[in-house]
N, C-alpha and C. Protein backbone atom coordinates (compact mmCIF):
# COMPACT_ATOMS: atom_id res chain seq x y z
N GLY A 1 23.18 15.66 -27.04
CA GLY A 1 24.26 15.39 -27.82
C GLY A 1 24.97 15.06 -26.35
N VAL A 2 26.39 15.30 -26.59
CA VAL A 2 27.37 14.71 -25.46
C VAL A 2 27.39 15.87 -24.52
N GLU A 3 26.91 17.15 -24.83
CA GLU A 3 27.02 18.20 -24.01
C GLU A 3 25.84 18.17 -22.98
N ALA A 4 24.65 17.58 -23.40
CA ALA A 4 23.44 17.45 -22.49
C ALA A 4 23.60 16.47 -21.54
N VAL A 5 24.55 15.23 -22.46
CA VAL A 5 24.61 14.11 -21.29
C VAL A 5 25.62 14.76 -20.01
N GLU A 6 26.52 15.37 -20.41
CA GLU A 6 27.71 15.81 -19.47
C GLU A 6 26.91 16.68 -18.41
N GLU A 7 26.08 17.69 -19.01
CA GLU A 7 25.33 18.64 -17.95
C GLU A 7 24.37 17.74 -17.08
N ARG A 8 23.41 16.81 -17.71
CA ARG A 8 22.68 15.96 -16.69
C ARG A 8 23.51 15.47 -15.83
N ALA A 9 24.82 14.79 -15.81
CA ALA A 9 25.55 14.35 -15.10
C ALA A 9 26.15 14.98 -13.70
N ARG A 10 26.48 16.34 -14.49
CA ARG A 10 26.97 17.26 -13.56
C ARG A 10 25.96 17.91 -12.49
N LEU A 11 24.75 18.08 -13.16
CA LEU A 11 23.45 18.54 -12.16
C LEU A 11 23.04 17.56 -11.22
N SER A 12 23.06 16.36 -11.72
CA SER A 12 22.37 15.26 -10.99
C SER A 12 23.35 14.73 -9.73
N SER A 13 24.75 15.02 -10.03
CA SER A 13 26.03 15.07 -9.01
C SER A 13 25.56 16.16 -8.00
N LEU A 14 25.35 17.33 -8.38
CA LEU A 14 25.08 18.14 -7.28
C LEU A 14 23.87 18.15 -6.37
N LEU A 15 22.62 17.51 -7.16
CA LEU A 15 21.70 17.15 -6.55
C LEU A 15 22.08 16.09 -5.39
N ALA A 16 22.68 15.12 -5.76
CA ALA A 16 23.26 14.03 -4.89
C ALA A 16 24.12 14.66 -3.69
N ALA A 17 24.65 15.73 -3.73
CA ALA A 17 25.47 16.29 -2.74
C ALA A 17 24.78 17.30 -1.75
N LEU A 18 23.50 17.23 -1.83
CA LEU A 18 22.66 18.19 -0.96
C LEU A 18 22.30 17.26 0.13
N PRO A 19 21.88 18.08 1.24
CA PRO A 19 21.58 17.09 2.58
C PRO A 19 20.11 17.09 2.25
N LEU A 20 19.65 15.63 1.94
CA LEU A 20 18.37 15.48 1.67
C LEU A 20 18.03 14.24 2.55
N LEU A 21 16.62 13.84 2.88
CA LEU A 21 16.30 12.79 3.65
C LEU A 21 16.85 11.54 2.90
N PRO A 22 16.87 10.49 3.71
CA PRO A 22 17.49 9.22 3.34
C PRO A 22 16.77 8.75 1.93
N HIS A 23 15.71 8.44 1.83
CA HIS A 23 14.93 7.88 0.79
C HIS A 23 15.50 9.04 -0.66
N HIS A 24 14.99 10.16 -0.33
CA HIS A 24 15.34 11.29 -1.43
C HIS A 24 17.11 10.89 -1.48
N ARG A 25 17.82 11.02 -0.97
CA ARG A 25 19.34 10.89 -1.29
C ARG A 25 19.58 9.41 -2.02
N ARG A 26 18.72 8.38 -1.69
CA ARG A 26 19.04 7.17 -2.37
C ARG A 26 18.71 7.55 -3.82
N ALA A 27 17.69 8.07 -4.02
CA ALA A 27 16.94 8.43 -5.29
C ALA A 27 17.95 9.36 -6.11
N ALA A 28 18.46 10.27 -5.38
CA ALA A 28 19.47 11.45 -6.01
C ALA A 28 20.59 10.84 -6.53
N ILE A 29 21.10 9.88 -5.60
CA ILE A 29 22.49 9.40 -5.78
C ILE A 29 22.27 8.09 -7.05
N ALA A 30 21.43 7.55 -7.08
CA ALA A 30 20.99 6.52 -8.26
C ALA A 30 21.04 7.15 -9.51
N THR A 31 20.18 8.28 -9.35
CA THR A 31 20.27 9.24 -10.56
C THR A 31 21.46 9.84 -11.29
N ALA A 32 22.27 10.06 -10.17
CA ALA A 32 23.43 10.71 -10.58
C ALA A 32 24.34 9.60 -10.70
N ILE A 33 24.70 8.54 -10.46
CA ILE A 33 25.18 7.24 -10.87
C ILE A 33 24.86 7.01 -12.26
N ARG A 34 23.69 6.95 -12.51
CA ARG A 34 23.12 6.46 -13.91
C ARG A 34 23.75 7.63 -14.88
N HIS A 35 23.53 8.70 -14.54
CA HIS A 35 24.01 9.68 -15.46
C HIS A 35 25.37 9.90 -15.85
N ASN A 36 26.17 9.79 -14.54
CA ASN A 36 27.79 9.70 -14.59
C ASN A 36 28.09 8.59 -15.58
N LEU A 37 27.57 7.66 -15.42
CA LEU A 37 28.04 6.17 -16.04
C LEU A 37 27.83 6.49 -17.65
N ARG A 38 26.56 7.14 -18.09
CA ARG A 38 26.38 7.42 -19.40
C ARG A 38 27.41 8.42 -19.81
N ALA A 39 27.88 9.33 -18.82
CA ALA A 39 28.72 10.75 -19.34
C ALA A 39 30.25 9.98 -19.28
N ARG A 40 30.52 8.60 -18.98
CA ARG A 40 31.71 7.99 -18.79
C ARG A 40 32.75 8.67 -17.76
N ASN A 41 31.98 9.14 -16.62
CA ASN A 41 32.55 9.46 -15.23
C ASN A 41 32.60 8.37 -14.42
N PHE A 42 33.38 7.49 -14.59
CA PHE A 42 33.52 6.35 -13.87
C PHE A 42 34.20 6.55 -12.40
N GLY A 43 35.07 7.43 -12.38
CA GLY A 43 35.66 7.83 -11.23
C GLY A 43 34.33 8.46 -10.05
N LEU A 44 33.94 9.43 -10.65
CA LEU A 44 32.87 10.21 -10.15
C LEU A 44 31.53 9.06 -9.65
N ALA A 45 31.17 8.33 -10.63
CA ALA A 45 30.12 7.42 -10.29
C ALA A 45 30.51 6.31 -9.14
N ALA A 46 31.83 5.78 -9.21
CA ALA A 46 32.41 5.04 -8.06
C ALA A 46 32.37 5.83 -6.88
N SER A 47 32.76 7.25 -6.88
CA SER A 47 32.87 7.84 -5.58
C SER A 47 31.42 8.06 -5.07
N LEU A 48 30.25 8.14 -5.80
CA LEU A 48 29.01 8.28 -5.33
C LEU A 48 28.64 7.06 -4.55
N ALA A 49 28.89 5.96 -5.43
CA ALA A 49 28.49 4.56 -4.76
C ALA A 49 29.26 4.44 -3.41
N ARG A 50 30.38 4.57 -3.34
CA ARG A 50 31.23 4.38 -2.15
C ARG A 50 30.60 5.35 -1.05
N ALA A 51 30.33 6.70 -1.32
CA ALA A 51 29.72 7.33 -0.33
C ALA A 51 28.18 6.83 0.07
N ALA A 52 27.53 6.57 -0.83
CA ALA A 52 26.51 5.86 -0.43
C ALA A 52 26.36 4.74 0.54
N MET A 53 27.43 3.95 0.17
CA MET A 53 27.54 2.50 1.08
C MET A 53 28.27 3.09 2.24
N ALA A 54 28.80 4.02 2.55
CA ALA A 54 29.17 4.66 3.82
C ALA A 54 28.35 5.33 4.76
N ARG A 55 27.22 5.65 4.09
CA ARG A 55 26.09 6.40 4.74
C ARG A 55 25.12 5.61 5.24
N PRO A 56 24.37 5.68 6.38
CA PRO A 56 23.11 4.84 6.49
C PRO A 56 21.92 5.22 5.98
N ILE A 57 22.07 5.07 4.68
CA ILE A 57 20.91 5.42 3.63
C ILE A 57 20.05 4.45 3.10
N ALA A 58 20.77 3.13 3.30
CA ALA A 58 20.02 1.90 2.63
C ALA A 58 18.75 1.73 3.40
N PRO A 59 17.97 1.14 2.39
CA PRO A 59 16.71 0.71 3.34
C PRO A 59 17.13 -0.51 4.24
N PRO A 60 16.23 -0.67 5.22
CA PRO A 60 16.43 -1.84 6.19
C PRO A 60 16.30 -3.22 5.46
N GLY A 61 16.99 -4.32 6.06
CA GLY A 61 16.67 -5.82 5.73
C GLY A 61 17.08 -6.00 4.49
N ALA A 62 16.48 -7.04 3.60
CA ALA A 62 16.96 -7.63 2.38
C ALA A 62 16.96 -6.39 1.36
N ALA A 63 16.19 -5.49 1.33
CA ALA A 63 16.24 -4.36 0.23
C ALA A 63 17.73 -3.58 0.56
N GLY A 64 17.82 -3.39 1.69
CA GLY A 64 19.49 -2.61 2.16
C GLY A 64 20.70 -3.42 1.35
N ALA A 65 20.50 -4.63 1.74
CA ALA A 65 21.48 -5.74 1.22
C ALA A 65 21.77 -5.90 -0.20
N ALA A 66 20.77 -5.75 -1.03
CA ALA A 66 20.40 -5.65 -2.28
C ALA A 66 20.96 -4.04 -2.81
N TYR A 67 20.49 -3.14 -2.28
CA TYR A 67 21.18 -1.99 -2.60
C TYR A 67 22.67 -1.75 -2.35
N ARG A 68 23.14 -2.37 -1.36
CA ARG A 68 24.71 -2.20 -1.28
C ARG A 68 25.16 -3.16 -2.34
N ALA A 69 24.50 -4.16 -2.70
CA ALA A 69 25.25 -5.20 -3.43
C ALA A 69 25.38 -4.42 -4.86
N GLU A 70 24.06 -3.71 -5.23
CA GLU A 70 24.11 -2.92 -6.44
C GLU A 70 25.16 -1.73 -6.37
N LEU A 71 25.56 -1.09 -5.41
CA LEU A 71 26.39 -0.12 -5.21
C LEU A 71 27.83 -0.81 -5.52
N ALA A 72 27.77 -1.90 -4.92
CA ALA A 72 29.29 -2.53 -5.16
C ALA A 72 29.69 -3.04 -6.29
N GLU A 73 28.50 -3.32 -7.03
CA GLU A 73 28.89 -3.94 -8.54
C GLU A 73 29.04 -2.42 -9.39
N VAL A 74 28.47 -1.56 -8.93
CA VAL A 74 28.76 -0.23 -9.64
C VAL A 74 30.36 0.06 -9.56
N VAL A 75 31.00 0.36 -8.17
CA VAL A 75 32.16 0.10 -7.91
C VAL A 75 33.09 -0.56 -8.92
N ARG A 76 32.83 -1.90 -9.09
CA ARG A 76 33.48 -2.97 -9.54
C ARG A 76 33.64 -2.55 -11.07
N GLN A 77 32.42 -2.20 -11.57
CA GLN A 77 32.39 -2.03 -12.87
C GLN A 77 33.27 -0.68 -13.29
N CYS A 78 33.10 0.38 -12.53
CA CYS A 78 33.97 1.49 -12.59
C CYS A 78 35.38 1.40 -12.44
N GLU A 79 35.89 0.39 -11.43
CA GLU A 79 37.24 0.07 -11.23
C GLU A 79 37.72 -0.56 -12.57
N THR A 80 36.99 -1.45 -13.04
CA THR A 80 37.21 -2.12 -14.54
C THR A 80 37.71 -1.30 -15.57
N ARG A 81 36.78 -0.16 -15.18
CA ARG A 81 37.10 1.13 -16.69
C ARG A 81 38.18 1.88 -16.38
N GLY A 82 38.70 1.83 -15.03
CA GLY A 82 39.85 2.88 -14.73
C GLY A 82 39.42 3.90 -14.16
N LEU A 83 38.58 3.99 -13.36
CA LEU A 83 38.18 5.30 -12.65
C LEU A 83 38.25 6.44 -13.27
N THR A 84 38.12 6.57 -14.57
CA THR A 84 38.39 7.80 -15.28
C THR A 84 37.43 8.77 -15.34
N ASP A 85 37.38 10.02 -15.46
CA ASP A 85 36.30 10.95 -15.58
C ASP A 85 36.74 11.82 -16.95
N THR A 86 35.50 12.22 -17.35
CA THR A 86 35.77 13.24 -18.61
C THR A 86 36.27 14.38 -18.08
N PRO A 87 37.20 15.42 -18.74
CA PRO A 87 37.55 16.56 -18.28
C PRO A 87 36.38 17.42 -17.84
N SER A 88 35.31 17.33 -18.43
CA SER A 88 34.46 18.42 -18.08
C SER A 88 33.72 18.20 -16.69
N VAL A 89 34.18 17.14 -15.88
CA VAL A 89 33.79 17.16 -14.60
C VAL A 89 34.59 17.43 -13.66
N LEU A 90 35.81 17.83 -14.07
CA LEU A 90 36.98 18.38 -13.20
C LEU A 90 37.02 20.05 -13.46
N GLN A 91 37.31 20.35 -12.40
CA GLN A 91 37.82 21.95 -12.29
C GLN A 91 39.19 22.26 -11.68
N PRO A 92 39.98 23.26 -12.15
CA PRO A 92 41.12 23.53 -11.36
C PRO A 92 40.85 24.10 -9.93
N CYS A 93 41.70 23.54 -8.85
CA CYS A 93 41.42 24.34 -7.65
C CYS A 93 41.79 25.76 -7.86
N ARG A 94 41.13 26.74 -7.17
CA ARG A 94 41.84 28.26 -7.26
C ARG A 94 42.71 28.35 -6.45
N ARG A 95 43.27 27.71 -5.65
CA ARG A 95 44.46 28.14 -4.81
C ARG A 95 45.70 27.28 -5.37
N CYS A 96 45.57 25.84 -5.71
CA CYS A 96 46.65 25.20 -6.01
C CYS A 96 46.62 24.67 -7.60
N GLY A 97 45.63 24.83 -8.23
CA GLY A 97 45.51 24.30 -9.66
C GLY A 97 45.41 22.92 -9.87
N THR A 98 45.14 22.17 -8.76
CA THR A 98 44.98 20.59 -9.06
C THR A 98 43.55 20.36 -9.54
N ALA A 99 43.38 19.50 -10.39
CA ALA A 99 42.11 19.10 -11.08
C ALA A 99 41.28 18.59 -9.86
N THR A 100 40.16 18.90 -9.64
CA THR A 100 39.35 18.52 -8.60
C THR A 100 37.84 18.23 -9.20
N LEU A 101 37.32 17.28 -8.36
CA LEU A 101 35.84 16.84 -9.01
C LEU A 101 34.87 18.15 -8.91
N SER A 102 34.15 18.64 -9.70
CA SER A 102 33.43 19.93 -9.59
C SER A 102 32.22 19.69 -8.61
N ILE A 103 32.04 18.62 -7.99
CA ILE A 103 31.14 18.42 -6.93
C ILE A 103 31.62 18.32 -5.38
N ALA A 104 32.95 18.35 -5.48
CA ALA A 104 33.76 18.24 -4.20
C ALA A 104 33.62 19.71 -3.48
N SER A 105 33.68 19.36 -2.27
CA SER A 105 33.48 20.65 -1.10
C SER A 105 34.84 21.06 -0.98
N GLU A 106 35.77 20.54 -1.14
CA GLU A 106 37.37 21.08 -0.89
C GLU A 106 38.26 20.33 -1.67
N CYS A 107 39.16 21.07 -2.15
CA CYS A 107 40.59 20.36 -2.73
C CYS A 107 41.15 19.09 -1.89
N ALA A 108 41.36 18.08 -2.51
CA ALA A 108 42.02 16.93 -2.00
C ALA A 108 43.30 17.19 -1.79
N HIS A 109 43.97 18.05 -2.50
CA HIS A 109 45.57 18.36 -2.35
C HIS A 109 45.67 19.33 -1.35
N CYS A 110 45.08 20.47 -1.35
CA CYS A 110 45.44 21.40 -0.63
C CYS A 110 44.39 21.82 0.54
N GLY A 111 43.27 21.44 0.30
CA GLY A 111 42.17 21.66 1.29
C GLY A 111 41.32 22.86 1.30
N ALA A 112 41.69 23.63 0.06
CA ALA A 112 40.98 24.71 0.01
C ALA A 112 39.45 24.46 -0.39
N ARG A 113 38.55 25.38 0.03
CA ARG A 113 37.16 25.13 -0.36
C ARG A 113 36.95 25.21 -1.64
N VAL A 114 36.06 24.31 -2.53
CA VAL A 114 35.77 24.57 -3.76
C VAL A 114 34.43 25.04 -4.22
N HIS A 115 34.47 26.26 -4.75
CA HIS A 115 32.95 26.89 -4.81
C HIS A 115 32.26 26.33 -6.27
N VAL A 116 31.23 25.84 -5.96
CA VAL A 116 30.54 25.35 -7.00
C VAL A 116 29.65 26.32 -7.64
N CYS A 117 29.71 26.47 -9.06
CA CYS A 117 29.06 27.71 -9.90
C CYS A 117 28.25 26.84 -10.87
N CYS A 118 26.84 27.13 -10.99
CA CYS A 118 25.93 26.63 -11.83
C CYS A 118 26.11 27.51 -12.90
């Protein structure tokens, strides 16, 4: 059901946030993007894709160019859908109450550390 889709999206996002080897990180990010798109978390999926493009985790050569193009397409699709997320992916900051992505390490508004609880 919907809860299972959202839970897979949340857990795969937590996996993608771990410090992994580049080839494992690529797989974790691809999985997290796929599950978050299914859960209609377009803002989070775009954030994951942008983060992957900013890190040196792409494979070398033509495969890396194709990987970056695929990520750019994910961002474009998410922007078309408004970069919105379902409420289940957001949690209030404990300091200021601002809605914060559940996989973020700190609140974008006040900078407080966000504690992830599984």
